[in-house]
Every structure is written in structure tokens, then in C-alpha cells.
């Protein structure tokens, strides 16, 4: 796996950016830039497992919320790849990788940094899709004001 990182400045509070990241309707919107039809199954709470599932093909990943500081940071550790809407394990393409979201705010501008490990064969795809997702997060968060 290879670590990739992207960041963006968003003209709103980190609380609005956080809400855009994790509220169901906005999550589904921006995350579809990465994987069409993706949604979260579970509760965002440190120590919980959640699943990111595609409603289009039923594939997903189960992740442990290893660290959670609301409005500032979340670290996810991918523990299992799944299929059939999270009901069955599949190849371990994402297992063991991490993904983090960091937010810092200064003078009403929030910097969002996403770091993630991706399988090398998907690096090019994510180098295209993650910046699109960040732009969508920016649009949604700034529109919420």
C-alpha cells in the first residue's frame, strides 16, 4: 500500500466541515466522487467499527474508529474488505490500511487534510478522485453557511 495525502482550504468553520464529512446526506454526496453510492453503516464513535458500503455493487470495507476527536481528527483502520453489503469478507485489498481526516481552523478558514493508504494498483485512480471529493466537500460546507 502507498500513503497519499491531499488538503484543501475551506471558507467555513471546522464544525461545518466536520458535519459535511460525516452527516449521512452530505457524506453520500461527496463520497460518491470516490465510490459511487457509498454510505456509512454504523455509529461514528471511538472504538466502534463502521462500514463503508457501496449501494451500487455491495462492496465495502469495515473500519475501526481508532481515534476520534470530533471536529478535529478521526483515524480509521481498515480491518476487513466486504461484499454483499458488508455481510461477507472478500480479498484483503484494503485490510490493515489507515485513513485519517484532520481539520484545523484559523480566522474562519478550515484546512482539511486527508491521508490514506491505497493499494498501489489504485493509486492513480485515487489521485484523481480524492481531489474531486475535496472540492465537493468544500462546495457543500461553504454552501451550509
C-alpha atoms as a PDB file:
ATOM      1  CA  UNK A   1       0.000   0.000   0.000  1.00  0.00           C
ATOM      2  CA  UNK A   2       1.071   3.562  -0.589  1.00  0.00           C
ATOM      3  CA  UNK A   3       0.247   6.639   1.501  1.00  0.00           C
ATOM      4  CA  UNK A   4      -1.280   9.568  -0.335  1.00  0.00           C
ATOM      5  CA  UNK A   5      -2.294  12.915   1.130  1.00  0.00           C
ATOM      6  CA  UNK A   6      -4.399  15.831  -0.062  1.00  0.00           C
ATOM      7  CA  UNK A   7      -5.515  19.059   1.574  1.00  0.00           C
ATOM      8  CA  UNK A   8      -7.870  21.936   0.882  1.00  0.00           C
ATOM      9  CA  UNK A   9      -8.773  25.272   2.454  1.00  0.00           C
ATOM     10  CA  UNK A  10     -12.480  25.719   3.133  1.00  0.00           C
ATOM     11  CA  UNK A  11     -14.016  29.103   3.974  1.00  0.00           C
ATOM     12  CA  UNK A  12     -16.069  27.996   6.950  1.00  0.00           C
ATOM     13  CA  UNK A  13     -15.703  26.639  10.484  1.00  0.00           C
ATOM     14  CA  UNK A  14     -14.256  23.227  11.217  1.00  0.00           C
ATOM     15  CA  UNK A  15     -17.623  22.286  12.778  1.00  0.00           C
ATOM     16  CA  UNK A  16     -19.350  22.826   9.408  1.00  0.00           C
ATOM     17  CA  UNK A  17     -16.646  20.881   7.587  1.00  0.00           C
ATOM     18  CA  UNK A  18     -16.951  18.035  10.108  1.00  0.00           C
ATOM     19  CA  UNK A  19     -20.730  17.958   9.644  1.00  0.00           C
ATOM     20  CA  UNK A  20     -20.248  17.883   5.870  1.00  0.00           C
ATOM     21  CA  UNK A  21     -17.839  14.976   6.197  1.00  0.00           C
ATOM     22  CA  UNK A  22     -19.966  12.739   8.400  1.00  0.00           C
ATOM     23  CA  UNK A  23     -23.678  13.636   8.136  1.00  0.00           C
ATOM     24  CA  UNK A  24     -25.371  10.997   6.001  1.00  0.00           C
ATOM     25  CA  UNK A  25     -26.733  13.133   3.168  1.00  0.00           C
ATOM     26  CA  UNK A  26     -23.542  15.161   2.624  1.00  0.00           C
ATOM     27  CA  UNK A  27     -21.264  12.128   3.129  1.00  0.00           C
ATOM     28  CA  UNK A  28     -23.123  10.262   0.385  1.00  0.00           C
ATOM     29  CA  UNK A  29     -22.782  13.293  -1.880  1.00  0.00           C
ATOM     30  CA  UNK A  30     -19.041  13.918  -1.621  1.00  0.00           C
ATOM     31  CA  UNK A  31     -18.001  10.296  -1.160  1.00  0.00           C
ATOM     32  CA  UNK A  32     -19.723   9.293  -4.398  1.00  0.00           C
ATOM     33  CA  UNK A  33     -16.827  11.134  -6.093  1.00  0.00           C
ATOM     34  CA  UNK A  34     -14.660   8.291  -4.799  1.00  0.00           C
ATOM     35  CA  UNK A  35     -17.004   5.300  -4.949  1.00  0.00           C
ATOM     36  CA  UNK A  36     -20.489   5.639  -6.402  1.00  0.00           C
ATOM     37  CA  UNK A  37     -23.369   5.045  -3.993  1.00  0.00           C
ATOM     38  CA  UNK A  38     -21.201   4.785  -0.876  1.00  0.00           C
ATOM     39  CA  UNK A  39     -22.756   5.177   2.559  1.00  0.00           C
ATOM     40  CA  UNK A  40     -21.751   4.599   6.194  1.00  0.00           C
ATOM     41  CA  UNK A  41     -23.259   1.787   8.233  1.00  0.00           C
ATOM     42  CA  UNK A  42     -22.679   2.221  11.972  1.00  0.00           C
ATOM     43  CA  UNK A  43     -22.117   4.972  14.536  1.00  0.00           C
ATOM     44  CA  UNK A  44     -19.119   7.331  14.460  1.00  0.00           C
ATOM     45  CA  UNK A  45     -17.739   6.710  17.947  1.00  0.00           C
ATOM     46  CA  UNK A  46     -14.180   5.928  19.019  1.00  0.00           C
ATOM     47  CA  UNK A  47     -13.745   2.172  19.408  1.00  0.00           C
ATOM     48  CA  UNK A  48     -16.682   1.341  17.120  1.00  0.00           C
ATOM     49  CA  UNK A  49     -16.474  -0.491  13.849  1.00  0.00           C
ATOM     50  CA  UNK A  50     -18.251   1.107  10.917  1.00  0.00           C
ATOM     51  CA  UNK A  51     -18.668   0.008   7.341  1.00  0.00           C
ATOM     52  CA  UNK A  52     -18.321   1.980   4.140  1.00  0.00           C
ATOM     53  CA  UNK A  53     -20.598   0.185   1.670  1.00  0.00           C
ATOM     54  CA  UNK A  54     -21.382   0.843  -1.987  1.00  0.00           C
ATOM     55  CA  UNK A  55     -25.108   0.603  -2.677  1.00  0.00           C
ATOM     56  CA  UNK A  56     -24.203   0.086  -6.339  1.00  0.00           C
ATOM     57  CA  UNK A  57     -22.114  -3.093  -6.061  1.00  0.00           C
ATOM     58  CA  UNK A  58     -22.381  -4.112  -2.376  1.00  0.00           C
ATOM     59  CA  UNK A  59     -18.618  -3.988  -1.836  1.00  0.00           C
ATOM     60  CA  UNK A  60     -17.107  -2.147   1.082  1.00  0.00           C
ATOM     61  CA  UNK A  61     -14.675  -2.017   3.927  1.00  0.00           C
ATOM     62  CA  UNK A  62     -15.100  -2.455   7.677  1.00  0.00           C
ATOM     63  CA  UNK A  63     -13.066   0.053   9.677  1.00  0.00           C
ATOM     64  CA  UNK A  64     -12.233   0.536  13.334  1.00  0.00           C
ATOM     65  CA  UNK A  65     -12.531   4.113  14.578  1.00  0.00           C
ATOM     66  CA  UNK A  66      -9.160   4.063  16.289  1.00  0.00           C
ATOM     67  CA  UNK A  67      -9.091   7.730  17.332  1.00  0.00           C
ATOM     68  CA  UNK A  68     -11.871  10.304  17.244  1.00  0.00           C
ATOM     69  CA  UNK A  69     -11.690  13.920  18.335  1.00  0.00           C
ATOM     70  CA  UNK A  70     -14.923  15.491  16.967  1.00  0.00           C
ATOM     71  CA  UNK A  71     -14.455  18.498  14.682  1.00  0.00           C
ATOM     72  CA  UNK A  72     -10.683  17.912  14.591  1.00  0.00           C
ATOM     73  CA  UNK A  73      -9.497  14.388  13.793  1.00  0.00           C
ATOM     74  CA  UNK A  74     -10.517  10.842  13.006  1.00  0.00           C
ATOM     75  CA  UNK A  75      -8.269   7.848  12.332  1.00  0.00           C
ATOM     76  CA  UNK A  76      -9.818   4.805  10.706  1.00  0.00           C
ATOM     77  CA  UNK A  77      -8.061   1.423  10.499  1.00  0.00           C
ATOM     78  CA  UNK A  78      -9.493  -0.805   7.802  1.00  0.00           C
ATOM     79  CA  UNK A  79      -9.989  -4.265   9.291  1.00  0.00           C
ATOM     80  CA  UNK A  80     -11.787  -6.196   6.542  1.00  0.00           C
ATOM     81  CA  UNK A  81     -12.893  -5.911   2.937  1.00  0.00           C
ATOM     82  CA  UNK A  82     -16.505  -6.967   2.419  1.00  0.00           C
ATOM     83  CA  UNK A  83     -19.102  -7.802  -0.181  1.00  0.00           C
ATOM     84  CA  UNK A  84     -22.863  -8.404  -0.098  1.00  0.00           C
ATOM     85  CA  UNK A  85     -23.472  -5.079   1.686  1.00  0.00           C
ATOM     86  CA  UNK A  86     -20.880  -5.849   4.342  1.00  0.00           C
ATOM     87  CA  UNK A  87     -22.146  -9.315   5.168  1.00  0.00           C
ATOM     88  CA  UNK A  88     -19.279 -11.361   3.737  1.00  0.00           C
ATOM     89  CA  UNK A  89     -15.495 -10.926   3.771  1.00  0.00           C
ATOM     90  CA  UNK A  90     -13.590 -10.758   0.490  1.00  0.00           C
ATOM     91  CA  UNK A  91      -9.994 -10.301  -0.676  1.00  0.00           C
ATOM     92  CA  UNK A  92      -7.861  -8.191   1.654  1.00  0.00           C
ATOM     93  CA  UNK A  93      -7.162  -5.291  -0.697  1.00  0.00           C
ATOM     94  CA  UNK A  94      -7.759  -2.569   1.948  1.00  0.00           C
ATOM     95  CA  UNK A  95      -7.265  -4.558   5.168  1.00  0.00           C
ATOM     96  CA  UNK A  96      -4.726  -3.026   7.535  1.00  0.00           C
ATOM     97  CA  UNK A  97      -4.586   0.368   5.864  1.00  0.00           C
ATOM     98  CA  UNK A  98      -5.435   3.596   7.632  1.00  0.00           C
ATOM     99  CA  UNK A  99      -7.320   6.706   6.640  1.00  0.00           C
ATOM    100  CA  UNK A 100      -7.339   9.983   8.565  1.00  0.00           C
ATOM    101  CA  UNK A 101      -9.154  13.296   8.383  1.00  0.00           C
ATOM    102  CA  UNK A 102      -7.559  16.295  10.146  1.00  0.00           C
ATOM    103  CA  UNK A 103      -9.172  19.715  10.488  1.00  0.00           C
ATOM    104  CA  UNK A 104      -7.550  22.931  11.716  1.00  0.00           C
ATOM    105  CA  UNK A 105      -9.190  26.343  11.681  1.00  0.00           C
ATOM    106  CA  UNK A 106      -7.694  29.820  11.656  1.00  0.00           C
ATOM    107  CA  UNK A 107      -9.638  33.048  11.074  1.00  0.00           C
ATOM    108  CA  UNK A 108     -12.703  31.195   9.789  1.00  0.00           C
ATOM    109  CA  UNK A 109     -10.763  29.118   7.260  1.00  0.00           C
ATOM    110  CA  UNK A 110     -10.517  25.384   7.832  1.00  0.00           C
ATOM    111  CA  UNK A 111      -7.746  23.259   6.391  1.00  0.00           C
ATOM    112  CA  UNK A 112      -8.846  19.681   5.769  1.00  0.00           C
ATOM    113  CA  UNK A 113      -6.118  17.072   5.277  1.00  0.00           C
ATOM    114  CA  UNK A 114      -6.950  13.545   4.185  1.00  0.00           C
ATOM    115  CA  UNK A 115      -4.233  10.880   4.448  1.00  0.00           C
ATOM    116  CA  UNK A 116      -4.906   7.365   3.301  1.00  0.00           C
ATOM    117  CA  UNK A 117      -3.114   4.224   2.260  1.00  0.00           C
ATOM    118  CA  UNK A 118      -4.264   2.833  -1.071  1.00  0.00           C
ATOM    119  CA  UNK A 119      -3.360  -0.354  -2.909  1.00  0.00           C
ATOM    120  CA  UNK A 120      -0.665   0.578  -5.455  1.00  0.00           C
ATOM    121  CA  UNK A 121      -2.835  -0.537  -8.369  1.00  0.00           C
ATOM    122  CA  UNK A 122      -5.458   2.047  -7.290  1.00  0.00           C
ATOM    123  CA  UNK A 123      -3.085   4.946  -6.599  1.00  0.00           C
ATOM    124  CA  UNK A 124      -3.713   6.668  -9.945  1.00  0.00           C
ATOM    125  CA  UNK A 125      -7.491   6.415  -9.503  1.00  0.00           C
ATOM    126  CA  UNK A 126      -7.372   7.922  -6.013  1.00  0.00           C
ATOM    127  CA  UNK A 127      -5.007  10.678  -7.138  1.00  0.00           C
ATOM    128  CA  UNK A 128      -7.851  11.771  -9.422  1.00  0.00           C
ATOM    129  CA  UNK A 129     -10.875  11.022  -7.220  1.00  0.00           C
ATOM    130  CA  UNK A 130      -9.723  12.363  -3.833  1.00  0.00           C
ATOM    131  CA  UNK A 131      -9.095  15.925  -5.087  1.00  0.00           C
ATOM    132  CA  UNK A 132     -12.591  15.842  -6.672  1.00  0.00           C
ATOM    133  CA  UNK A 133     -14.036  14.716  -3.345  1.00  0.00           C
ATOM    134  CA  UNK A 134     -12.225  17.542  -1.518  1.00  0.00           C
ATOM    135  CA  UNK A 135     -13.633  20.100  -3.958  1.00  0.00           C
ATOM    136  CA  UNK A 136     -17.119  18.685  -3.379  1.00  0.00           C
ATOM    137  CA  UNK A 137     -16.644  18.839   0.419  1.00  0.00           C
ATOM    138  CA  UNK A 138     -15.577  22.491   0.053  1.00  0.00           C
ATOM    139  CA  UNK A 139     -18.643  23.332  -2.062  1.00  0.00           C
ATOM    140  CA  UNK A 140     -21.046  21.595   0.327  1.00  0.00           C
ATOM    141  CA  UNK A 141     -19.513  23.020   3.518  1.00  0.00           C
ATOM    142  CA  UNK A 142     -19.387  26.591   2.214  1.00  0.00           C
ATOM    143  CA  UNK A 143     -22.979  26.306   0.991  1.00  0.00           C
ATOM    144  CA  UNK A 144     -24.164  25.277   4.513  1.00  0.00           C
ATOM    145  CA  UNK A 145     -23.286  28.720   5.930  1.00  0.00           C
END
